[in-house]
Amino acid sequence: MCVCVCIDSALSAPLNVTIRELEVNTAIVTWEILEGDPVIGFAITQQKKDVRMLRYIQEVNTTTRSCALWDLEEDTEYIVHVQSISMGGSSPPSDPVSFRTPRESEKLASTVSDQVNREEMDQVVQLSVFPLSRPGEQRDGPGSSAQCVSSLQTR
C-alpha cells in the first residue's frame, strides 16, 4: 500500500513546536504558523523512538494550534512532527521534537513536591511597624513592645 502526500510548496513548516502538559500517558503538542499561510488544518506524526510504527493524526477545517497526544506509555521516548495542511496539500514537516514521558512514580513525587512548595509559599510572615514610645512613656496601644511582638504572625 502506498500513501501519496502532496506537498504545498507555498506553505512553511510549523514553527516552535513544543510539548506542554507532559503527563505519564498524555501530552499536548503546540505550534505556530507563519501569518498569511492559507492553513486549513494540521497533521501530526507521533512515533516511539527506535520503533517503525507511527500514529498519524490529521484534522482539517480548524484553526487550532494544539493537539492532545493520548495513550502514551510511561518512561518512553517519542518523536513528533507537525505539518500544516492547505487546499493545495501539506507543508514540509516541522523539525522533529523529542520528549520522554515520566514514570508514574516520578509524577507522584513531583506532585507531592509541588504541593509542599505551595504550602511553603503560603507561610508568609506579616510584619507590622508601629512608632516606638519615647523613653519613660508607657503605652498599651500601638508602639508598645508587647504590641510589636504580637504583630508578628504567620498565615
N, C-alpha and C. Protein backbone atom coordinates (compact mmCIF):
# COMPACT_ATOMS: atom_id res chain seq x y z
N MET A 1 0.85 -1.17 0.00
CA MET A 1 0.00 0.00 0.00
C MET A 1 0.89 1.23 0.00
N CYS A 2 0.59 2.17 -0.86
CA CYS A 2 1.37 3.40 -0.98
C CYS A 2 0.48 4.58 -0.65
N VAL A 3 0.98 5.48 0.17
CA VAL A 3 0.24 6.69 0.51
C VAL A 3 0.91 7.85 -0.18
N CYS A 4 0.16 8.56 -0.97
CA CYS A 4 0.71 9.71 -1.70
C CYS A 4 0.32 10.98 -0.97
N VAL A 5 1.30 11.83 -0.68
CA VAL A 5 1.06 13.09 0.00
C VAL A 5 1.54 14.21 -0.90
N CYS A 6 0.67 15.16 -1.18
CA CYS A 6 1.05 16.31 -1.98
C CYS A 6 1.66 17.36 -1.07
N ILE A 7 2.82 17.87 -1.45
CA ILE A 7 3.48 18.92 -0.68
C ILE A 7 3.14 20.26 -1.32
N ASP A 8 2.60 21.17 -0.53
CA ASP A 8 2.29 22.52 -0.97
C ASP A 8 3.53 23.37 -0.73
N SER A 9 4.22 23.73 -1.80
CA SER A 9 5.48 24.46 -1.66
C SER A 9 5.27 25.88 -1.14
N ALA A 10 4.03 26.38 -1.17
CA ALA A 10 3.75 27.72 -0.66
C ALA A 10 3.65 27.75 0.86
N LEU A 11 3.45 26.58 1.49
CA LEU A 11 3.30 26.52 2.94
C LEU A 11 4.65 26.33 3.62
N SER A 12 4.81 27.00 4.72
CA SER A 12 6.01 26.80 5.55
C SER A 12 5.72 25.73 6.59
N ALA A 13 6.76 25.05 7.00
CA ALA A 13 6.63 24.07 8.09
C ALA A 13 6.25 24.81 9.37
N PRO A 14 5.44 24.20 10.22
CA PRO A 14 5.11 24.84 11.51
C PRO A 14 6.37 25.14 12.32
N LEU A 15 6.30 26.19 13.12
CA LEU A 15 7.43 26.68 13.90
C LEU A 15 7.17 26.50 15.39
N ASN A 16 8.24 26.53 16.17
CA ASN A 16 8.15 26.49 17.63
C ASN A 16 7.27 25.35 18.14
N VAL A 17 7.46 24.18 17.58
CA VAL A 17 6.71 23.01 18.04
C VAL A 17 7.19 22.69 19.45
N THR A 18 6.25 22.58 20.38
CA THR A 18 6.56 22.43 21.80
C THR A 18 5.65 21.39 22.44
N ILE A 19 6.19 20.67 23.39
CA ILE A 19 5.40 19.73 24.17
C ILE A 19 5.08 20.39 25.50
N ARG A 20 3.80 20.42 25.85
CA ARG A 20 3.34 21.04 27.10
C ARG A 20 2.48 20.03 27.86
N GLU A 21 2.30 20.31 29.13
CA GLU A 21 1.44 19.49 29.99
C GLU A 21 1.76 18.00 29.85
N LEU A 22 3.05 17.70 29.95
CA LEU A 22 3.52 16.32 29.81
C LEU A 22 3.12 15.50 31.02
N GLU A 23 2.37 14.46 30.80
CA GLU A 23 1.92 13.54 31.85
C GLU A 23 2.44 12.15 31.53
N VAL A 24 2.11 11.19 32.36
CA VAL A 24 2.56 9.81 32.17
C VAL A 24 2.00 9.24 30.87
N ASN A 25 0.71 9.50 30.58
CA ASN A 25 0.06 8.91 29.41
C ASN A 25 -0.45 9.90 28.39
N THR A 26 -0.25 11.20 28.63
CA THR A 26 -0.74 12.22 27.71
C THR A 26 0.25 13.37 27.61
N ALA A 27 0.09 14.15 26.56
CA ALA A 27 0.88 15.37 26.36
C ALA A 27 0.10 16.26 25.40
N ILE A 28 0.44 17.53 25.39
CA ILE A 28 -0.14 18.47 24.44
C ILE A 28 1.00 18.98 23.56
N VAL A 29 0.82 18.91 22.24
CA VAL A 29 1.80 19.47 21.32
C VAL A 29 1.21 20.78 20.79
N THR A 30 2.02 21.84 20.79
CA THR A 30 1.58 23.15 20.29
C THR A 30 2.56 23.62 19.22
N TRP A 31 2.13 24.54 18.38
CA TRP A 31 2.98 25.06 17.32
C TRP A 31 2.46 26.40 16.86
N GLU A 32 3.25 27.05 16.02
CA GLU A 32 2.87 28.32 15.41
C GLU A 32 3.00 28.18 13.90
N ILE A 33 2.30 29.05 13.16
CA ILE A 33 2.44 29.07 11.71
C ILE A 33 2.76 30.50 11.30
N LEU A 34 3.30 30.64 10.11
CA LEU A 34 3.57 31.97 9.59
C LEU A 34 2.26 32.67 9.25
N GLU A 35 2.17 33.95 9.58
CA GLU A 35 0.98 34.72 9.27
C GLU A 35 0.80 34.77 7.76
N GLY A 36 -0.40 34.54 7.33
CA GLY A 36 -0.69 34.58 5.90
C GLY A 36 -0.70 33.22 5.23
N ASP A 37 -0.16 32.20 5.87
CA ASP A 37 -0.23 30.85 5.30
C ASP A 37 -1.69 30.41 5.27
N PRO A 38 -2.17 29.89 4.13
CA PRO A 38 -3.58 29.50 3.99
C PRO A 38 -3.87 28.14 4.63
N VAL A 39 -3.67 28.04 5.92
CA VAL A 39 -3.77 26.76 6.63
C VAL A 39 -5.23 26.45 6.95
N ILE A 40 -5.64 25.21 6.65
CA ILE A 40 -7.00 24.78 6.99
C ILE A 40 -6.98 23.61 7.97
N GLY A 41 -5.80 23.16 8.37
CA GLY A 41 -5.72 22.04 9.30
C GLY A 41 -4.28 21.68 9.59
N PHE A 42 -4.10 20.50 10.19
CA PHE A 42 -2.76 20.05 10.55
C PHE A 42 -2.69 18.54 10.49
N ALA A 43 -1.48 18.06 10.44
CA ALA A 43 -1.22 16.62 10.54
C ALA A 43 -0.05 16.43 11.49
N ILE A 44 -0.16 15.43 12.35
CA ILE A 44 0.91 15.15 13.32
C ILE A 44 1.31 13.69 13.17
N THR A 45 2.61 13.47 13.13
CA THR A 45 3.11 12.10 13.22
C THR A 45 3.76 11.96 14.58
N GLN A 46 3.40 10.88 15.25
CA GLN A 46 3.93 10.57 16.58
C GLN A 46 4.52 9.17 16.51
N GLN A 47 5.77 9.05 16.94
CA GLN A 47 6.45 7.77 16.83
C GLN A 47 7.28 7.52 18.08
N LYS A 48 7.27 6.27 18.55
CA LYS A 48 8.18 5.90 19.62
C LYS A 48 9.57 5.86 19.01
N LYS A 49 10.56 6.34 19.76
CA LYS A 49 11.92 6.31 19.27
C LYS A 49 12.34 4.85 19.05
N ASP A 50 13.02 4.60 17.94
CA ASP A 50 13.54 3.28 17.57
C ASP A 50 12.45 2.25 17.29
N VAL A 51 11.24 2.70 16.99
CA VAL A 51 10.16 1.79 16.61
C VAL A 51 9.63 2.28 15.26
N ARG A 52 9.37 1.36 14.35
CA ARG A 52 8.95 1.76 13.00
C ARG A 52 7.49 2.15 12.89
N MET A 53 6.66 1.76 13.81
CA MET A 53 5.24 2.13 13.74
C MET A 53 5.06 3.58 14.17
N LEU A 54 4.06 4.24 13.59
CA LEU A 54 3.77 5.61 14.00
C LEU A 54 2.28 5.85 14.00
N ARG A 55 1.88 6.89 14.73
CA ARG A 55 0.48 7.33 14.76
C ARG A 55 0.40 8.58 13.90
N TYR A 56 -0.62 8.64 13.06
CA TYR A 56 -0.84 9.79 12.20
C TYR A 56 -2.17 10.42 12.59
N ILE A 57 -2.13 11.69 12.99
CA ILE A 57 -3.33 12.42 13.39
C ILE A 57 -3.53 13.56 12.41
N GLN A 58 -4.71 13.66 11.84
CA GLN A 58 -4.98 14.73 10.88
C GLN A 58 -6.32 15.37 11.21
N GLU A 59 -6.36 16.69 11.15
CA GLU A 59 -7.61 17.41 11.38
C GLU A 59 -7.66 18.58 10.41
N VAL A 60 -8.80 18.74 9.74
CA VAL A 60 -8.99 19.86 8.83
C VAL A 60 -10.17 20.69 9.27
N ASN A 61 -10.33 21.84 8.62
CA ASN A 61 -11.38 22.81 8.97
C ASN A 61 -11.23 23.26 10.41
N THR A 62 -10.01 23.58 10.79
CA THR A 62 -9.74 24.05 12.15
C THR A 62 -8.64 25.10 12.12
N THR A 63 -8.68 25.99 13.10
CA THR A 63 -7.62 26.99 13.26
C THR A 63 -6.80 26.70 14.50
N THR A 64 -7.05 25.59 15.15
CA THR A 64 -6.34 25.27 16.38
C THR A 64 -4.85 25.10 16.11
N ARG A 65 -4.05 25.38 17.12
CA ARG A 65 -2.60 25.23 17.02
C ARG A 65 -2.09 24.33 18.14
N SER A 66 -2.91 23.35 18.51
CA SER A 66 -2.50 22.38 19.53
C SER A 66 -3.26 21.08 19.32
N CYS A 67 -2.69 20.01 19.87
CA CYS A 67 -3.33 18.70 19.75
C CYS A 67 -2.92 17.85 20.95
N ALA A 68 -3.90 17.13 21.49
CA ALA A 68 -3.62 16.21 22.60
C ALA A 68 -3.08 14.90 22.06
N LEU A 69 -2.03 14.42 22.68
CA LEU A 69 -1.49 13.09 22.38
C LEU A 69 -1.94 12.20 23.53
N TRP A 70 -2.45 11.03 23.23
CA TRP A 70 -3.02 10.16 24.25
C TRP A 70 -2.47 8.75 24.11
N ASP A 71 -2.77 7.92 25.06
CA ASP A 71 -2.34 6.52 25.04
C ASP A 71 -0.82 6.38 24.98
N LEU A 72 -0.12 7.32 25.60
CA LEU A 72 1.34 7.23 25.64
C LEU A 72 1.74 6.25 26.73
N GLU A 73 2.91 5.67 26.58
CA GLU A 73 3.42 4.75 27.59
C GLU A 73 4.39 5.50 28.50
N GLU A 74 4.35 5.18 29.78
CA GLU A 74 5.23 5.85 30.73
C GLU A 74 6.69 5.52 30.43
N ASP A 75 7.57 6.47 30.76
CA ASP A 75 9.01 6.30 30.60
C ASP A 75 9.39 5.86 29.19
N THR A 76 8.80 6.53 28.20
CA THR A 76 9.04 6.18 26.80
C THR A 76 9.39 7.44 26.03
N GLU A 77 10.35 7.34 25.13
CA GLU A 77 10.75 8.48 24.31
C GLU A 77 9.96 8.48 23.01
N TYR A 78 9.44 9.66 22.66
CA TYR A 78 8.65 9.84 21.45
C TYR A 78 9.27 10.94 20.59
N ILE A 79 8.95 10.88 19.28
CA ILE A 79 9.35 11.91 18.33
C ILE A 79 8.08 12.38 17.63
N VAL A 80 7.91 13.71 17.53
CA VAL A 80 6.72 14.29 16.93
C VAL A 80 7.13 15.25 15.82
N HIS A 81 6.38 15.22 14.70
CA HIS A 81 6.48 16.20 13.61
C HIS A 81 5.09 16.77 13.39
N VAL A 82 5.02 18.04 13.00
CA VAL A 82 3.74 18.68 12.68
C VAL A 82 3.83 19.22 11.26
N GLN A 83 2.75 19.08 10.50
CA GLN A 83 2.64 19.66 9.17
C GLN A 83 1.37 20.49 9.09
N SER A 84 1.43 21.60 8.38
CA SER A 84 0.23 22.39 8.09
C SER A 84 -0.42 21.81 6.84
N ILE A 85 -1.75 21.95 6.77
CA ILE A 85 -2.49 21.47 5.61
C ILE A 85 -3.24 22.66 4.99
N SER A 86 -3.16 22.77 3.66
CA SER A 86 -3.91 23.78 2.93
C SER A 86 -4.73 23.08 1.85
N MET A 87 -5.47 23.83 1.08
CA MET A 87 -6.24 23.25 -0.02
C MET A 87 -5.31 22.63 -1.06
N GLY A 88 -4.07 23.10 -1.13
CA GLY A 88 -3.12 22.60 -2.12
C GLY A 88 -2.27 21.43 -1.65
N GLY A 89 -2.39 21.04 -0.40
CA GLY A 89 -1.59 19.92 0.11
C GLY A 89 -1.03 20.22 1.49
N SER A 90 0.08 19.57 1.83
CA SER A 90 0.69 19.70 3.16
C SER A 90 2.02 20.43 3.07
N SER A 91 2.38 21.06 4.17
CA SER A 91 3.70 21.71 4.27
C SER A 91 4.75 20.64 4.49
N PRO A 92 6.02 21.01 4.38
CA PRO A 92 7.06 20.08 4.84
C PRO A 92 6.89 19.85 6.34
N PRO A 93 7.38 18.74 6.86
CA PRO A 93 7.25 18.52 8.30
C PRO A 93 8.11 19.50 9.10
N SER A 94 7.66 19.78 10.31
CA SER A 94 8.45 20.62 11.22
C SER A 94 9.72 19.87 11.60
N ASP A 95 10.61 20.58 12.24
CA ASP A 95 11.76 19.90 12.83
C ASP A 95 11.23 18.91 13.86
N PRO A 96 11.91 17.78 14.02
CA PRO A 96 11.42 16.80 15.00
C PRO A 96 11.55 17.31 16.42
N VAL A 97 10.60 16.95 17.26
CA VAL A 97 10.64 17.28 18.68
C VAL A 97 10.60 15.96 19.44
N SER A 98 11.61 15.75 20.29
CA SER A 98 11.68 14.54 21.10
C SER A 98 11.27 14.85 22.53
N PHE A 99 10.59 13.91 23.16
CA PHE A 99 10.25 14.05 24.57
C PHE A 99 10.12 12.66 25.17
N ARG A 100 10.25 12.60 26.48
CA ARG A 100 10.12 11.34 27.21
C ARG A 100 9.02 11.51 28.25
N THR A 101 8.11 10.57 28.29
CA THR A 101 7.06 10.59 29.30
C THR A 101 7.67 10.20 30.64
N PRO A 102 7.17 10.77 31.73
CA PRO A 102 7.71 10.42 33.05
C PRO A 102 7.20 9.06 33.51
N ARG A 103 7.89 8.52 34.49
CA ARG A 103 7.39 7.32 35.18
C ARG A 103 6.27 7.76 36.11
N GLU A 104 5.37 6.86 36.40
CA GLU A 104 4.27 7.16 37.33
C GLU A 104 4.83 7.62 38.68
N SER A 105 5.88 6.95 39.15
CA SER A 105 6.47 7.29 40.45
C SER A 105 7.10 8.69 40.42
N GLU A 106 7.70 9.08 39.28
CA GLU A 106 8.28 10.42 39.16
C GLU A 106 7.18 11.48 39.20
N LYS A 107 6.07 11.21 38.55
CA LYS A 107 4.97 12.16 38.52
C LYS A 107 4.38 12.34 39.91
N LEU A 108 4.22 11.23 40.65
CA LEU A 108 3.70 11.33 42.01
C LEU A 108 4.64 12.12 42.90
N ALA A 109 5.95 11.87 42.78
CA ALA A 109 6.93 12.61 43.58
C ALA A 109 6.89 14.09 43.23
N SER A 110 6.74 14.41 41.96
CA SER A 110 6.66 15.80 41.51
C SER A 110 5.41 16.48 42.07
N THR A 111 4.30 15.78 42.08
CA THR A 111 3.04 16.33 42.61
C THR A 111 3.18 16.64 44.09
N VAL A 112 3.77 15.74 44.86
CA VAL A 112 3.96 15.96 46.29
C VAL A 112 4.90 17.14 46.51
N SER A 113 5.98 17.23 45.74
CA SER A 113 6.93 18.34 45.85
C SER A 113 6.25 19.67 45.55
N ASP A 114 5.43 19.72 44.48
CA ASP A 114 4.71 20.94 44.13
C ASP A 114 3.78 21.36 45.27
N GLN A 115 3.12 20.39 45.88
CA GLN A 115 2.19 20.69 46.97
C GLN A 115 2.95 21.26 48.17
N VAL A 116 4.11 20.70 48.50
CA VAL A 116 4.93 21.22 49.60
C VAL A 116 5.38 22.63 49.29
N ASN A 117 5.81 22.90 48.06
CA ASN A 117 6.26 24.24 47.70
C ASN A 117 5.13 25.25 47.82
N ARG A 118 3.90 24.89 47.43
CA ARG A 118 2.77 25.80 47.57
C ARG A 118 2.47 26.07 49.03
N GLU A 119 2.57 25.04 49.88
CA GLU A 119 2.33 25.23 51.31
C GLU A 119 3.39 26.14 51.91
N GLU A 120 4.65 25.97 51.47
CA GLU A 120 5.72 26.84 51.99
C GLU A 120 5.47 28.28 51.58
N MET A 121 4.97 28.50 50.36
CA MET A 121 4.71 29.86 49.90
C MET A 121 3.57 30.50 50.69
N ASP A 122 2.66 29.69 51.20
CA ASP A 122 1.56 30.21 52.00
C ASP A 122 2.01 30.67 53.38
N GLN A 123 3.20 30.26 53.81
CA GLN A 123 3.73 30.65 55.12
C GLN A 123 4.41 32.01 55.00
N VAL A 124 3.62 33.05 54.89
CA VAL A 124 4.12 34.41 54.74
C VAL A 124 4.17 35.06 56.11
N VAL A 125 5.25 35.74 56.39
CA VAL A 125 5.38 36.44 57.66
C VAL A 125 4.86 37.86 57.47
N GLN A 126 3.92 38.24 58.31
CA GLN A 126 3.38 39.58 58.27
C GLN A 126 4.05 40.39 59.36
N LEU A 127 4.66 41.51 58.99
CA LEU A 127 5.36 42.35 59.96
C LEU A 127 4.68 43.72 59.95
N SER A 128 4.20 44.13 61.10
CA SER A 128 3.60 45.45 61.23
C SER A 128 4.59 46.35 61.95
N VAL A 129 4.70 47.58 61.49
CA VAL A 129 5.63 48.54 62.10
C VAL A 129 4.81 49.64 62.77
N PHE A 130 5.12 49.89 64.05
CA PHE A 130 4.45 50.93 64.82
C PHE A 130 5.51 51.86 65.38
N PRO A 131 5.17 53.13 65.60
CA PRO A 131 6.15 54.04 66.21
C PRO A 131 6.46 53.60 67.64
N LEU A 132 7.71 53.74 68.03
CA LEU A 132 8.13 53.37 69.38
C LEU A 132 7.79 54.48 70.37
N SER A 133 7.65 54.12 71.63
CA SER A 133 7.39 55.08 72.69
C SER A 133 8.68 55.83 72.99
N ARG A 134 8.53 57.03 73.49
CA ARG A 134 9.69 57.79 73.95
C ARG A 134 10.13 57.25 75.29
N PRO A 135 11.37 57.44 75.66
CA PRO A 135 11.84 56.95 76.96
C PRO A 135 10.95 57.48 78.09
N GLY A 136 10.56 56.59 78.99
CA GLY A 136 9.75 56.95 80.14
C GLY A 136 8.26 56.99 79.84
N GLU A 137 7.87 56.86 78.57
CA GLU A 137 6.46 56.91 78.21
C GLU A 137 5.91 55.48 78.15
N GLN A 138 4.81 55.24 78.78
CA GLN A 138 4.19 53.91 78.79
C GLN A 138 3.00 53.93 77.84
N ARG A 139 2.90 52.90 77.04
CA ARG A 139 1.75 52.77 76.14
C ARG A 139 1.25 51.34 76.18
N ASP A 140 -0.02 51.22 76.03
CA ASP A 140 -0.59 49.89 75.89
C ASP A 140 -1.07 49.66 74.47
N GLY A 141 -1.11 50.69 73.67
CA GLY A 141 -1.59 50.59 72.29
C GLY A 141 -0.44 50.35 71.33
N PRO A 142 -0.68 50.68 70.05
CA PRO A 142 0.38 50.50 69.07
C PRO A 142 1.63 51.27 69.48
N GLY A 143 2.76 50.67 69.34
CA GLY A 143 4.03 51.29 69.71
C GLY A 143 4.64 50.63 70.91
N SER A 144 3.86 49.93 71.71
CA SER A 144 4.44 49.24 72.86
C SER A 144 5.16 48.01 72.36
N SER A 145 6.21 47.61 73.09
CA SER A 145 6.97 46.46 72.66
C SER A 145 6.11 45.20 72.67
N ALA A 146 5.15 45.11 73.56
CA ALA A 146 4.26 43.94 73.59
C ALA A 146 3.44 43.89 72.30
N GLN A 147 2.99 45.05 71.83
CA GLN A 147 2.20 45.10 70.60
C GLN A 147 3.06 44.69 69.41
N CYS A 148 4.32 45.17 69.34
CA CYS A 148 5.18 44.83 68.22
C CYS A 148 5.45 43.34 68.15
N VAL A 149 5.66 42.70 69.29
CA VAL A 149 5.93 41.28 69.32
C VAL A 149 4.70 40.51 68.87
N SER A 150 3.53 40.90 69.34
CA SER A 150 2.34 40.15 68.97
C SER A 150 1.91 40.40 67.54
N SER A 151 2.45 41.42 66.87
CA SER A 151 2.04 41.67 65.50
C SER A 151 2.80 40.79 64.49
N LEU A 152 3.81 40.05 64.96
CA LEU A 152 4.49 39.09 64.09
C LEU A 152 3.68 37.82 64.05
N GLN A 153 3.16 37.50 62.88
CA GLN A 153 2.32 36.33 62.77
C GLN A 153 2.66 35.60 61.49
N THR A 154 2.29 34.34 61.44
CA THR A 154 2.33 33.62 60.17
C THR A 154 0.94 33.28 59.77
N ARG A 155 0.72 33.18 58.50
CA ARG A 155 -0.60 32.82 58.00
C ARG A 155 -0.63 31.37 57.65
